[in-house]
Amino acid sequence: MKRQAIYFSGIVLTILDILFLIYITFFHVDSTFKFYVIAFDLFLCVFFWIEFLYSLKKADDRKTYLKNNSLSILGMLPFNSVFIRALRFVKLAQFIKIFILIRDDQKIVADFLKKTYLDKIIVITIIFIVIVTVLVWQVDSNIVDFRTAIWYTFVSMTSTGYGDVVPTSTSGRLIGIVAMLGGILIFSLITAIISSAYVSRLNRDNRKDLESKIDDLTSEVEKLNKKIDELNKK
């Protein structure tokens, strides 16, 4: 229960930190507010490192733990970089995953994540969005700021195509094609995972219902057999 409370607090604090960092990145704010946000982010990074070192100490295989959490390490660095700040989402995803796994239904969730790789797909999606956004922002002169770049990335990945932001350079258009193809692949995978989970749940419920009916029929047959035996004795 105590561990759940710690990770739940970590989730809430990380969400607040991400919102504050997004705000000071995309909007002009006074220096005092920016100082407090950076101080809060630094405090949270210290919390991240304490949790990380404690988990590393408790891990059965420390090398494997370090390998599986290499991106998470980057997400704990308090650097003034859009890419590093975006990796806070990776740390948030890790906290949510741990919080779910330490609940009572951890075996079901663990098996689901192991079979579907959904947690890894989410991390890859976040990294893909950040890379595409930074690249198109840097190479295309028609995309003047990060806000416009991330809007263009989401519009391209979802194949919405509003047409309000259009890259003019060849490099920008190539990156747009990559964003479209990546979005189609990612959303197809997520849709397939959700559909598979839904179908598996229906099959599991139907199997339980069938097993329950079989048990009822077996019980009725046993009762009939007992009555038959009693009649034969008479």
Protein backbone atom coordinates (compact mmCIF):
# COMPACT_ATOMS: atom_id res chain seq x y z
CA MET A 1 0.00 0.00 0.00
CA LYS A 2 2.85 2.39 0.86
CA ARG A 3 4.61 1.60 -2.41
CA GLN A 4 1.41 2.26 -4.36
CA ALA A 5 1.07 5.66 -2.68
CA ILE A 6 4.66 6.56 -3.57
CA TYR A 7 4.23 5.72 -7.24
CA PHE A 8 0.82 7.39 -7.40
CA SER A 9 2.40 10.55 -6.00
CA GLY A 10 5.18 10.19 -8.57
CA ILE A 11 2.60 9.98 -11.37
CA VAL A 12 0.79 13.12 -10.18
CA LEU A 13 4.02 15.10 -9.71
CA THR A 14 5.35 14.02 -13.11
CA ILE A 15 2.14 15.07 -14.86
CA LEU A 16 2.33 18.48 -13.16
CA ASP A 17 6.00 18.80 -14.09
CA ILE A 18 5.30 17.98 -17.75
CA LEU A 19 2.46 20.53 -17.89
CA PHE A 20 4.66 23.24 -16.33
CA LEU A 21 7.57 22.47 -18.66
CA ILE A 22 5.28 22.58 -21.70
CA TYR A 23 3.95 25.94 -20.53
CA ILE A 24 7.35 27.60 -20.05
CA THR A 25 8.63 26.06 -23.30
CA PHE A 26 5.85 27.32 -25.55
CA PHE A 27 4.74 30.51 -23.79
CA HIS A 28 6.48 33.65 -22.54
CA VAL A 29 6.49 33.71 -18.73
CA ASP A 30 8.12 35.95 -16.16
CA SER A 31 11.48 34.92 -14.73
CA THR A 32 10.12 34.23 -11.22
CA PHE A 33 7.57 31.67 -12.41
CA LYS A 34 10.18 30.05 -14.67
CA PHE A 35 12.58 29.80 -11.71
CA TYR A 36 9.98 28.01 -9.59
CA VAL A 37 9.16 25.59 -12.42
CA ILE A 38 12.84 24.76 -12.94
CA ALA A 39 13.29 24.32 -9.16
CA PHE A 40 10.27 21.99 -9.05
CA ASP A 41 11.67 20.04 -12.03
CA LEU A 42 15.04 19.74 -10.28
CA PHE A 43 13.33 18.45 -7.12
CA LEU A 44 11.43 15.88 -9.18
CA CYS A 45 14.64 14.74 -10.91
CA VAL A 46 16.15 14.12 -7.45
CA PHE A 47 13.04 12.05 -6.61
CA PHE A 48 13.49 10.15 -9.89
CA TRP A 49 17.10 9.32 -9.08
CA ILE A 50 16.28 8.17 -5.53
CA GLU A 51 13.56 5.85 -6.88
CA PHE A 52 15.85 4.63 -9.66
CA LEU A 53 18.79 3.83 -7.37
CA TYR A 54 16.50 2.08 -4.88
CA SER A 55 14.93 -0.04 -7.66
CA LEU A 56 18.38 -0.78 -9.08
CA LYS A 57 19.54 -1.97 -5.66
CA LYS A 58 16.49 -4.26 -5.34
CA ALA A 59 16.72 -5.61 -8.90
CA ASP A 60 17.68 -9.28 -9.35
CA ASP A 61 19.72 -8.53 -12.47
CA ARG A 62 21.14 -5.00 -12.37
CA LYS A 63 22.60 -5.09 -15.88
CA THR A 64 19.23 -6.04 -17.36
CA TYR A 65 17.53 -3.35 -15.28
CA LEU A 66 19.95 -0.70 -16.57
CA LYS A 67 19.47 -1.90 -20.13
CA ASN A 68 15.68 -1.80 -19.89
CA ASN A 69 15.70 1.67 -18.31
CA SER A 70 18.32 3.44 -20.43
CA LEU A 71 15.79 5.92 -21.85
CA SER A 72 14.37 6.45 -18.40
CA ILE A 73 17.82 7.61 -17.27
CA LEU A 74 17.78 10.35 -19.93
CA GLY A 75 14.32 11.32 -18.74
CA MET A 76 15.72 12.02 -15.27
CA LEU A 77 18.27 14.62 -16.40
CA PRO A 78 17.31 18.24 -15.54
CA PHE A 79 18.67 19.72 -18.79
CA ASN A 80 17.06 22.64 -20.63
CA SER A 81 16.46 20.62 -23.80
CA VAL A 82 13.20 19.90 -25.62
CA PHE A 83 14.24 16.29 -26.25
CA ILE A 84 15.29 15.65 -22.66
CA ARG A 85 12.13 17.27 -21.32
CA ALA A 86 10.00 15.19 -23.68
CA LEU A 87 11.53 12.04 -22.17
CA ARG A 88 9.69 12.89 -18.94
CA PHE A 89 6.82 11.11 -20.70
CA VAL A 90 8.95 7.93 -20.68
CA LYS A 91 9.39 8.26 -16.92
CA LEU A 92 5.66 8.87 -16.54
CA ALA A 93 4.89 5.72 -18.56
CA GLN A 94 7.30 3.74 -16.36
CA PHE A 95 5.64 4.98 -13.15
CA ILE A 96 2.17 4.15 -14.49
CA LYS A 97 3.36 0.67 -15.48
CA ILE A 98 4.88 -0.01 -12.04
CA PHE A 99 1.79 1.36 -10.28
CA ILE A 100 -0.44 -1.00 -12.27
CA LEU A 101 1.86 -4.00 -11.75
CA ILE A 102 1.95 -3.67 -7.96
CA ARG A 103 -1.83 -3.82 -7.71
CA ASP A 104 -3.72 -7.04 -6.94
CA ASP A 105 -4.29 -7.86 -10.62
CA GLN A 106 -0.61 -7.53 -11.45
CA LYS A 107 -0.31 -10.99 -13.07
CA ILE A 108 -3.03 -10.24 -15.65
CA VAL A 109 -1.52 -6.86 -16.51
CA ALA A 110 2.03 -8.23 -16.57
CA ASP A 111 1.01 -11.01 -18.95
CA PHE A 112 -0.84 -8.50 -21.14
CA LEU A 113 2.17 -6.15 -21.38
CA LYS A 114 4.52 -9.07 -21.98
CA LYS A 115 2.41 -10.45 -24.83
CA THR A 116 1.54 -7.15 -26.52
CA TYR A 117 4.65 -4.98 -25.82
CA LEU A 118 2.21 -2.09 -25.35
CA ASP A 119 4.47 -0.25 -22.91
CA LYS A 120 7.37 -0.37 -25.39
CA ILE A 121 5.11 0.76 -28.24
CA ILE A 122 4.04 3.81 -26.19
CA VAL A 123 7.67 4.72 -25.44
CA ILE A 124 8.63 4.32 -29.11
CA THR A 125 5.66 6.50 -30.12
CA ILE A 126 6.75 9.29 -27.77
CA ILE A 127 10.32 9.18 -29.09
CA PHE A 128 9.07 9.10 -32.70
CA ILE A 129 6.87 12.17 -32.14
CA VAL A 130 9.72 14.13 -30.54
CA ILE A 131 12.24 13.24 -33.28
CA VAL A 132 9.85 14.06 -36.15
CA THR A 133 8.82 17.33 -34.49
CA VAL A 134 12.40 18.51 -33.92
CA LEU A 135 13.51 17.49 -37.43
CA VAL A 136 10.67 19.19 -39.31
CA TRP A 137 11.11 22.29 -37.14
CA GLN A 138 14.80 22.48 -38.03
CA VAL A 139 14.73 21.69 -41.75
CA ASP A 140 11.62 23.53 -43.00
CA SER A 141 11.47 27.32 -43.09
CA ASN A 142 7.66 27.37 -43.23
CA ILE A 143 7.44 25.79 -39.75
CA VAL A 144 8.66 28.63 -37.58
CA ASP A 145 8.32 27.32 -34.01
CA PHE A 146 8.04 24.14 -31.96
CA ARG A 147 4.31 24.56 -31.38
CA THR A 148 3.65 24.58 -35.12
CA ALA A 149 5.99 21.62 -35.60
CA ILE A 150 4.28 19.42 -33.02
CA TRP A 151 0.86 20.38 -34.41
CA TYR A 152 2.02 19.38 -37.89
CA THR A 153 3.41 16.07 -36.54
CA PHE A 154 0.12 15.09 -34.89
CA VAL A 155 -1.93 16.13 -37.92
CA SER A 156 0.33 14.08 -40.21
CA MET A 157 0.42 11.01 -37.96
CA THR A 158 -3.36 10.92 -37.66
CA SER A 159 -3.75 11.54 -41.42
CA THR A 160 -6.12 14.43 -40.65
CA GLY A 161 -4.55 16.85 -43.12
CA TYR A 162 -6.08 20.23 -42.19
CA GLY A 163 -3.73 21.99 -44.60
CA ASP A 164 -3.09 24.95 -42.27
CA VAL A 165 0.59 23.98 -41.92
CA VAL A 166 2.39 22.76 -45.04
CA PRO A 167 6.14 22.09 -45.39
CA THR A 168 7.69 23.81 -48.42
CA SER A 169 11.08 22.10 -48.54
CA THR A 170 11.76 18.63 -49.95
CA SER A 171 13.27 17.52 -46.63
CA GLY A 172 10.18 18.71 -44.75
CA ARG A 173 7.87 16.81 -47.07
CA LEU A 174 9.95 13.64 -46.73
CA ILE A 175 9.73 13.94 -42.95
CA GLY A 176 5.96 14.41 -43.36
CA ILE A 177 5.77 11.15 -45.32
CA VAL A 178 7.71 9.38 -42.54
CA ALA A 179 5.28 10.85 -39.97
CA MET A 180 2.26 9.60 -41.96
CA LEU A 181 3.65 6.09 -42.42
CA GLY A 182 4.76 5.93 -38.78
CA GLY A 183 1.35 7.10 -37.60
CA ILE A 184 -0.43 4.48 -39.71
CA LEU A 185 1.82 1.75 -38.34
CA ILE A 186 1.56 2.86 -34.70
CA PHE A 187 -2.22 3.33 -34.69
CA SER A 188 -2.68 0.03 -36.52
CA LEU A 189 -0.63 -1.76 -33.86
CA ILE A 190 -2.54 -0.12 -31.00
CA THR A 191 -5.89 -0.90 -32.65
CA ALA A 192 -4.84 -4.52 -33.17
CA ILE A 193 -3.75 -4.81 -29.53
CA ILE A 194 -7.03 -3.37 -28.20
CA SER A 195 -9.08 -5.59 -30.53
CA SER A 196 -7.08 -8.67 -29.53
CA ALA A 197 -7.54 -7.88 -25.84
CA TYR A 198 -11.28 -7.37 -26.31
CA VAL A 199 -11.70 -10.63 -28.26
CA SER A 200 -9.60 -12.52 -25.70
CA ARG A 201 -11.76 -11.15 -22.89
CA LEU A 202 -14.93 -12.24 -24.69
CA ASN A 203 -13.50 -15.72 -25.31
CA ARG A 204 -12.44 -15.98 -21.67
CA ASP A 205 -15.91 -14.96 -20.46
CA ASN A 206 -17.59 -17.41 -22.86
CA ARG A 207 -15.28 -20.18 -21.71
CA LYS A 208 -16.05 -19.48 -18.07
CA ASP A 209 -19.78 -19.47 -18.83
CA LEU A 210 -19.46 -22.76 -20.71
CA GLU A 211 -17.45 -24.33 -17.90
CA SER A 212 -20.06 -23.19 -15.38
CA LYS A 213 -22.85 -24.81 -17.44
CA ILE A 214 -20.85 -28.03 -17.79
CA ASP A 215 -20.33 -28.11 -14.01
CA ASP A 216 -24.08 -27.62 -13.48
CA LEU A 217 -24.90 -30.44 -15.92
CA THR A 218 -22.34 -32.72 -14.29
CA SER A 219 -23.89 -32.02 -10.90
CA GLU A 220 -27.38 -32.81 -12.24
CA VAL A 221 -26.15 -36.07 -13.81
CA GLU A 222 -24.59 -37.12 -10.51
CA LYS A 223 -27.85 -36.45 -8.71
CA LEU A 224 -29.75 -38.52 -11.28
CA ASN A 225 -27.27 -41.36 -10.92
CA LYS A 226 -27.73 -41.34 -7.15
CA LYS A 227 -31.51 -41.49 -7.53
CA ILE A 228 -31.20 -44.35 -10.02
CA ASP A 229 -28.95 -46.24 -7.61
CA GLU A 230 -31.46 -45.70 -4.80
CA LEU A 231 -34.33 -46.99 -6.98
CA ASN A 232 -32.32 -50.06 -8.01
CA LYS A 233 -31.64 -50.91 -4.37
CA LYS A 234 -35.33 -50.80 -3.60
